[in-house]
PDB file of all heavy atoms in Angstrom:
ATOM      1  N   THR A   1      18.793  18.253   4.901  1.00  0.00           N
ATOM      2  CA  THR A   1      18.494  18.836   3.589  1.00  0.00           C
ATOM      3  C   THR A   1      17.712  20.123   3.830  1.00  0.00           C
ATOM      4  O   THR A   1      17.602  20.596   4.959  1.00  0.00           O
ATOM      5  CB  THR A   1      17.700  17.844   2.721  1.00  0.00           C
ATOM      6  OG1 THR A   1      16.404  17.612   3.315  1.00  0.00           O
ATOM      7  CG2 THR A   1      18.440  16.514   2.588  1.00  0.00           C
ATOM      8  N   SER A   2      17.144  20.688   2.792  1.00  0.00           N
ATOM      9  CA  SER A   2      16.539  22.019   2.935  1.00  0.00           C
ATOM     10  C   SER A   2      15.408  22.048   3.946  1.00  0.00           C
ATOM     11  O   SER A   2      15.184  23.068   4.597  1.00  0.00           O
ATOM     12  CB  SER A   2      16.027  22.511   1.573  1.00  0.00           C
ATOM     13  OG  SER A   2      15.049  21.604   1.055  1.00  0.00           O
ATOM     14  N   MET A   3      14.653  20.931   4.092  1.00  0.00           N
ATOM     15  CA  MET A   3      13.504  20.934   4.997  1.00  0.00           C
ATOM     16  C   MET A   3      13.476  19.745   5.960  1.00  0.00           C
ATOM     17  O   MET A   3      12.648  19.712   6.837  1.00  0.00           O
ATOM     18  CB  MET A   3      12.198  20.926   4.199  1.00  0.00           C
ATOM     19  CG  MET A   3      11.939  22.212   3.422  1.00  0.00           C
ATOM     20  SD  MET A   3      10.294  22.255   2.675  1.00  0.00           S
ATOM     21  CE  MET A   3      10.437  21.011   1.407  1.00  0.00           C
ATOM     22  N   ARG A   4      14.391  18.778   5.791  1.00  0.00           N
ATOM     23  CA  ARG A   4      14.249  17.528   6.532  1.00  0.00           C
ATOM     24  C   ARG A   4      15.548  17.032   7.121  1.00  0.00           C
ATOM     25  O   ARG A   4      16.642  17.323   6.620  1.00  0.00           O
ATOM     26  CB  ARG A   4      13.685  16.434   5.593  1.00  0.00           C
ATOM     27  CG  ARG A   4      12.217  16.574   5.275  1.00  0.00           C
ATOM     28  CD  ARG A   4      11.824  15.610   4.159  1.00  0.00           C
ATOM     29  NE  ARG A   4      10.382  15.579   3.951  1.00  0.00           N
ATOM     30  CZ  ARG A   4       9.697  16.501   3.307  1.00  0.00           C
ATOM     31  NH1 ARG A   4      10.324  17.561   2.804  1.00  0.00           N
ATOM     32  NH2 ARG A   4       8.388  16.407   3.166  1.00  0.00           N
ATOM     33  N   ARG A   5      15.392  16.209   8.155  1.00  0.00           N
ATOM     34  CA  ARG A   5      16.425  15.330   8.649  1.00  0.00           C
ATOM     35  C   ARG A   5      15.860  13.905   8.641  1.00  0.00           C
ATOM     36  O   ARG A   5      14.676  13.704   8.378  1.00  0.00           O
ATOM     37  CB  ARG A   5      16.865  15.758  10.061  1.00  0.00           C
ATOM     38  CG  ARG A   5      17.666  17.060  10.074  1.00  0.00           C
ATOM     39  CD  ARG A   5      17.970  17.551  11.469  1.00  0.00           C
ATOM     40  NE  ARG A   5      18.920  18.681  11.401  1.00  0.00           N
ATOM     41  CZ  ARG A   5      19.260  19.418  12.448  1.00  0.00           C
ATOM     42  NH1 ARG A   5      18.745  19.151  13.650  1.00  0.00           N
ATOM     43  NH2 ARG A   5      20.121  20.412  12.324  1.00  0.00           N
ATOM     44  N   PHE A   6      16.723  12.935   8.944  1.00  0.00           N
ATOM     45  CA  PHE A   6      16.329  11.533   8.768  1.00  0.00           C
ATOM     46  C   PHE A   6      16.553  10.747  10.070  1.00  0.00           C
ATOM     47  O   PHE A   6      17.649  10.808  10.642  1.00  0.00           O
ATOM     48  CB  PHE A   6      17.137  10.885   7.648  1.00  0.00           C
ATOM     49  CG  PHE A   6      17.003  11.578   6.331  1.00  0.00           C
ATOM     50  CD1 PHE A   6      17.799  12.668   5.997  1.00  0.00           C
ATOM     51  CD2 PHE A   6      16.056  11.148   5.400  1.00  0.00           C
ATOM     52  CE1 PHE A   6      17.670  13.300   4.792  1.00  0.00           C
ATOM     53  CE2 PHE A   6      15.922  11.796   4.177  1.00  0.00           C
ATOM     54  CZ  PHE A   6      16.732  12.879   3.863  1.00  0.00           C
ATOM     55  N   TRP A   7      15.535  10.014  10.483  1.00  0.00           N
ATOM     56  CA  TRP A   7      15.699   9.114  11.614  1.00  0.00           C
ATOM     57  C   TRP A   7      16.771   8.081  11.332  1.00  0.00           C
ATOM     58  O   TRP A   7      16.886   7.592  10.191  1.00  0.00           O
ATOM     59  CB  TRP A   7      14.400   8.374  11.922  1.00  0.00           C
ATOM     60  CG  TRP A   7      13.287   9.168  12.541  1.00  0.00           C
ATOM     61  CD1 TRP A   7      12.044   9.370  12.013  1.00  0.00           C
ATOM     62  CD2 TRP A   7      13.283   9.820  13.819  1.00  0.00           C
ATOM     63  NE1 TRP A   7      11.271  10.100  12.857  1.00  0.00           N
ATOM     64  CE2 TRP A   7      12.007  10.396  13.986  1.00  0.00           C
ATOM     65  CE3 TRP A   7      14.246   9.975  14.822  1.00  0.00           C
ATOM     66  CZ2 TRP A   7      11.653  11.123  15.120  1.00  0.00           C
ATOM     67  CZ3 TRP A   7      13.898  10.705  15.954  1.00  0.00           C
ATOM     68  CH2 TRP A   7      12.622  11.271  16.107  1.00  0.00           C
ATOM     69  N   ASN A   8      17.525   7.703  12.358  1.00  0.00           N
ATOM     70  CA  ASN A   8      18.389   6.527  12.282  1.00  0.00           C
ATOM     71  C   ASN A   8      17.499   5.323  12.534  1.00  0.00           C
ATOM     72  O   ASN A   8      17.222   4.958  13.674  1.00  0.00           O
ATOM     73  CB  ASN A   8      19.507   6.620  13.323  1.00  0.00           C
ATOM     74  CG  ASN A   8      20.395   5.389  13.324  1.00  0.00           C
ATOM     75  OD1 ASN A   8      20.162   4.425  12.609  1.00  0.00           O
ATOM     76  ND2 ASN A   8      21.434   5.422  14.127  1.00  0.00           N
ATOM     77  N   MET A   9      17.027   4.698  11.477  1.00  0.00           N
ATOM     78  CA  MET A   9      16.022   3.637  11.599  1.00  0.00           C
ATOM     79  C   MET A   9      16.571   2.392  12.260  1.00  0.00           C
ATOM     80  O   MET A   9      15.801   1.529  12.688  1.00  0.00           O
ATOM     81  CB  MET A   9      15.446   3.317  10.225  1.00  0.00           C
ATOM     82  CG  MET A   9      14.710   4.481   9.557  1.00  0.00           C
ATOM     83  SD  MET A   9      13.228   5.020  10.478  1.00  0.00           S
ATOM     84  CE  MET A   9      12.117   3.653  10.148  1.00  0.00           C
ATOM     85  N   ALA A  10      17.888   2.267  12.364  1.00  0.00           N
ATOM     86  CA  ALA A  10      18.500   1.121  13.051  1.00  0.00           C
ATOM     87  C   ALA A  10      18.667   1.359  14.548  1.00  0.00           C
ATOM     88  O   ALA A  10      19.110   0.469  15.268  1.00  0.00           O
ATOM     89  CB  ALA A  10      19.843   0.789  12.405  1.00  0.00           C
ATOM     90  N   ASP A  11      18.315   2.531  15.028  1.00  0.00           N
ATOM     91  CA  ASP A  11      18.426   2.897  16.431  1.00  0.00           C
ATOM     92  C   ASP A  11      17.218   2.313  17.185  1.00  0.00           C
ATOM     93  O   ASP A  11      16.071   2.644  16.856  1.00  0.00           O
ATOM     94  CB  ASP A  11      18.452   4.427  16.529  1.00  0.00           C
ATOM     95  CG  ASP A  11      18.575   4.929  17.967  1.00  0.00           C
ATOM     96  OD1 ASP A  11      18.338   4.162  18.921  1.00  0.00           O
ATOM     97  OD2 ASP A  11      18.900   6.130  18.139  1.00  0.00           O
ATOM     98  N   PRO A  12      17.431   1.472  18.196  1.00  0.00           N
ATOM     99  CA  PRO A  12      16.293   0.901  18.933  1.00  0.00           C
ATOM    100  C   PRO A  12      15.366   1.964  19.527  1.00  0.00           C
ATOM    101  O   PRO A  12      14.150   1.759  19.617  1.00  0.00           O
ATOM    102  CB  PRO A  12      16.961   0.062  20.032  1.00  0.00           C
ATOM    103  CG  PRO A  12      18.308  -0.282  19.476  1.00  0.00           C
ATOM    104  CD  PRO A  12      18.711   0.926  18.658  1.00  0.00           C
ATOM    105  N   TRP A  13      15.944   3.103  19.960  1.00  0.00           N
ATOM    106  CA  TRP A  13      15.107   4.169  20.499  1.00  0.00           C
ATOM    107  C   TRP A  13      14.155   4.667  19.434  1.00  0.00           C
ATOM    108  O   TRP A  13      12.958   4.931  19.733  1.00  0.00           O
ATOM    109  CB  TRP A  13      15.993   5.319  20.999  1.00  0.00           C
ATOM    110  CG  TRP A  13      15.202   6.421  21.666  1.00  0.00           C
ATOM    111  CD1 TRP A  13      14.965   6.547  22.991  1.00  0.00           C
ATOM    112  CD2 TRP A  13      14.571   7.537  21.021  1.00  0.00           C
ATOM    113  NE1 TRP A  13      14.194   7.676  23.231  1.00  0.00           N
ATOM    114  CE2 TRP A  13      13.946   8.299  22.035  1.00  0.00           C
ATOM    115  CE3 TRP A  13      14.465   7.963  19.700  1.00  0.00           C
ATOM    116  CZ2 TRP A  13      13.213   9.454  21.761  1.00  0.00           C
ATOM    117  CZ3 TRP A  13      13.724   9.109  19.416  1.00  0.00           C
ATOM    118  CH2 TRP A  13      13.106   9.857  20.437  1.00  0.00           C
ATOM    119  N   VAL A  14      14.623   4.828  18.209  1.00  0.00           N
ATOM    120  CA  VAL A  14      13.766   5.297  17.105  1.00  0.00           C
ATOM    121  C   VAL A  14      12.675   4.289  16.831  1.00  0.00           C
ATOM    122  O   VAL A  14      11.500   4.667  16.624  1.00  0.00           O
ATOM    123  CB  VAL A  14      14.618   5.556  15.847  1.00  0.00           C
ATOM    124  CG1 VAL A  14      13.712   5.850  14.647  1.00  0.00           C
ATOM    125  CG2 VAL A  14      15.569   6.723  16.069  1.00  0.00           C
ATOM    126  N   GLU A  15      12.995   3.014  16.841  1.00  0.00           N
ATOM    127  CA  GLU A  15      11.965   1.998  16.619  1.00  0.00           C
ATOM    128  C   GLU A  15      10.875   2.092  17.677  1.00  0.00           C
ATOM    129  O   GLU A  15       9.671   2.048  17.369  1.00  0.00           O
ATOM    130  CB  GLU A  15      12.581   0.599  16.614  1.00  0.00           C
ATOM    131  CG  GLU A  15      11.541  -0.497  16.354  1.00  0.00           C
ATOM    132  CD  GLU A  15      12.123  -1.875  16.291  1.00  0.00           C
ATOM    133  OE1 GLU A  15      13.365  -2.008  16.248  1.00  0.00           O
ATOM    134  OE2 GLU A  15      11.344  -2.857  16.303  1.00  0.00           O
ATOM    135  N   ASP A  16      11.282   2.245  18.946  1.00  0.00           N
ATOM    136  CA  ASP A  16      10.295   2.376  20.022  1.00  0.00           C
ATOM    137  C   ASP A  16       9.451   3.633  19.829  1.00  0.00           C
ATOM    138  O   ASP A  16       8.218   3.623  20.037  1.00  0.00           O
ATOM    139  CB  ASP A  16      11.001   2.432  21.381  1.00  0.00           C
ATOM    140  CG  ASP A  16      11.626   1.104  21.762  1.00  0.00           C
ATOM    141  OD1 ASP A  16      11.259   0.061  21.175  1.00  0.00           O
ATOM    142  OD2 ASP A  16      12.493   1.104  22.665  1.00  0.00           O
ATOM    143  N   TYR A  17      10.104   4.740  19.445  1.00  0.00           N
ATOM    144  CA  TYR A  17       9.398   6.010  19.233  1.00  0.00           C
ATOM    145  C   TYR A  17       8.339   5.846  18.118  1.00  0.00           C
ATOM    146  O   TYR A  17       7.185   6.281  18.277  1.00  0.00           O
ATOM    147  CB  TYR A  17      10.414   7.081  18.849  1.00  0.00           C
ATOM    148  CG  TYR A  17       9.834   8.437  18.536  1.00  0.00           C
ATOM    149  CD1 TYR A  17       9.675   9.401  19.541  1.00  0.00           C
ATOM    150  CD2 TYR A  17       9.456   8.775  17.248  1.00  0.00           C
ATOM    151  CE1 TYR A  17       9.165  10.652  19.256  1.00  0.00           C
ATOM    152  CE2 TYR A  17       8.931  10.027  16.939  1.00  0.00           C
ATOM    153  CZ  TYR A  17       8.792  10.963  17.946  1.00  0.00           C
ATOM    154  OH  TYR A  17       8.290  12.193  17.656  1.00  0.00           O
ATOM    155  N   LEU A  18       8.736   5.208  17.024  1.00  0.00           N
ATOM    156  CA  LEU A  18       7.807   5.056  15.902  1.00  0.00           C
ATOM    157  C   LEU A  18       6.718   4.025  16.202  1.00  0.00           C
ATOM    158  O   LEU A  18       5.599   4.149  15.705  1.00  0.00           O
ATOM    159  CB  LEU A  18       8.578   4.654  14.636  1.00  0.00           C
ATOM    160  CG  LEU A  18       9.508   5.740  14.074  1.00  0.00           C
ATOM    161  CD1 LEU A  18      10.280   5.222  12.886  1.00  0.00           C
ATOM    162  CD2 LEU A  18       8.709   6.974  13.658  1.00  0.00           C
ATOM    163  N   CYS A  19       7.042   3.038  17.037  1.00  0.00           N
ATOM    164  CA  CYS A  19       5.986   2.118  17.474  1.00  0.00           C
ATOM    165  C   CYS A  19       4.905   2.875  18.245  1.00  0.00           C
ATOM    166  O   CYS A  19       3.709   2.602  18.087  1.00  0.00           O
ATOM    167  CB  CYS A  19       6.591   1.007  18.347  1.00  0.00           C
ATOM    168  SG  CYS A  19       7.500  -0.243  17.427  1.00  0.00           S
ATOM    169  N   GLU A  20       5.337   3.828  19.051  1.00  0.00           N
ATOM    170  CA  GLU A  20       4.404   4.611  19.829  1.00  0.00           C
ATOM    171  C   GLU A  20       3.635   5.607  18.970  1.00  0.00           C
ATOM    172  O   GLU A  20       2.394   5.708  19.058  1.00  0.00           O
ATOM    173  CB  GLU A  20       5.147   5.367  20.950  1.00  0.00           C
ATOM    174  CG  GLU A  20       4.310   6.344  21.747  1.00  0.00           C
ATOM    175  CD  GLU A  20       3.274   5.673  22.619  1.00  0.00           C
ATOM    176  OE1 GLU A  20       3.439   4.481  22.944  1.00  0.00           O
ATOM    177  OE2 GLU A  20       2.282   6.349  22.984  1.00  0.00           O
ATOM    178  N   ARG A  21       4.335   6.341  18.108  1.00  0.00           N
ATOM    179  CA  ARG A  21       3.695   7.412  17.349  1.00  0.00           C
ATOM    180  C   ARG A  21       2.968   6.934  16.104  1.00  0.00           C
ATOM    181  O   ARG A  21       2.020   7.586  15.643  1.00  0.00           O
ATOM    182  CB  ARG A  21       4.759   8.460  16.945  1.00  0.00           C
ATOM    183  CG  ARG A  21       5.459   9.132  18.117  1.00  0.00           C
ATOM    184  CD  ARG A  21       4.496   9.927  19.006  1.00  0.00           C
ATOM    185  NE  ARG A  21       5.135  10.424  20.212  1.00  0.00           N
ATOM    186  CZ  ARG A  21       5.604  11.657  20.363  1.00  0.00           C
ATOM    187  NH1 ARG A  21       5.516  12.513  19.357  1.00  0.00           N
ATOM    188  NH2 ARG A  21       6.163  12.020  21.485  1.00  0.00           N
ATOM    189  N   VAL A  22       3.413   5.822  15.527  1.00  0.00           N
ATOM    190  CA  VAL A  22       2.811   5.328  14.284  1.00  0.00           C
ATOM    191  C   VAL A  22       1.929   4.107  14.542  1.00  0.00           C
ATOM    192  O   VAL A  22       0.707   4.144  14.338  1.00  0.00           O
ATOM    193  CB  VAL A  22       3.897   4.996  13.234  1.00  0.00           C
ATOM    194  CG1 VAL A  22       3.259   4.429  11.961  1.00  0.00           C
ATOM    195  CG2 VAL A  22       4.726   6.235  12.908  1.00  0.00           C
ATOM    196  N   ILE A  23       2.539   3.018  14.990  1.00  0.00           N
ATOM    197  CA  ILE A  23       1.765   1.764  15.133  1.00  0.00           C
ATOM    198  C   ILE A  23       0.656   1.910  16.167  1.00  0.00           C
ATOM    199  O   ILE A  23      -0.482   1.486  15.930  1.00  0.00           O
ATOM    200  CB  ILE A  23       2.708   0.596  15.478  1.00  0.00           C
ATOM    201  CG1 ILE A  23       3.674   0.328  14.325  1.00  0.00           C
ATOM    202  CG2 ILE A  23       1.893  -0.669  15.789  1.00  0.00           C
ATOM    203  CD1 ILE A  23       4.678  -0.773  14.573  1.00  0.00           C
ATOM    204  N   ARG A  24       0.973   2.512  17.305  1.00  0.00           N
ATOM    205  CA  ARG A  24      -0.068   2.660  18.320  1.00  0.00           C
ATOM    206  C   ARG A  24      -1.198   3.537  17.810  1.00  0.00           C
ATOM    207  O   ARG A  24      -2.383   3.254  18.085  1.00  0.00           O
ATOM    208  CB  ARG A  24       0.520   3.260  19.589  1.00  0.00           C
ATOM    209  CG  ARG A  24      -0.508   3.379  20.709  1.00  0.00           C
ATOM    210  CD  ARG A  24       0.112   3.849  22.002  1.00  0.00           C
ATOM    211  NE  ARG A  24      -0.917   4.086  23.011  1.00  0.00           N
ATOM    212  CZ  ARG A  24      -0.686   4.482  24.254  1.00  0.00           C
ATOM    213  NH1 ARG A  24       0.564   4.695  24.648  1.00  0.00           N
ATOM    214  NH2 ARG A  24      -1.672   4.698  25.097  1.00  0.00           N
ATOM    215  N   MET A  25      -0.883   4.584  17.075  1.00  0.00           N
ATOM    216  CA  MET A  25      -1.944   5.446  16.539  1.00  0.00           C
ATOM    217  C   MET A  25      -2.824   4.695  15.557  1.00  0.00           C
ATOM    218  O   MET A  25      -4.058   4.827  15.563  1.00  0.00           O
ATOM    219  CB  MET A  25      -1.334   6.683  15.873  1.00  0.00           C
ATOM    220  CG  MET A  25      -2.381   7.648  15.361  1.00  0.00           C
ATOM    221  SD  MET A  25      -1.649   9.122  14.678  1.00  0.00           S
ATOM    222  CE  MET A  25      -3.120   9.952  14.088  1.00  0.00           C
TER     223      MET A  25
END
């Protein structure tokens, strides 16, 4: 879209990435 793209939330790599960047923080 004009300013954003969207994670593939069903992608295991994305889940691991967000666990590191969100949950761990």
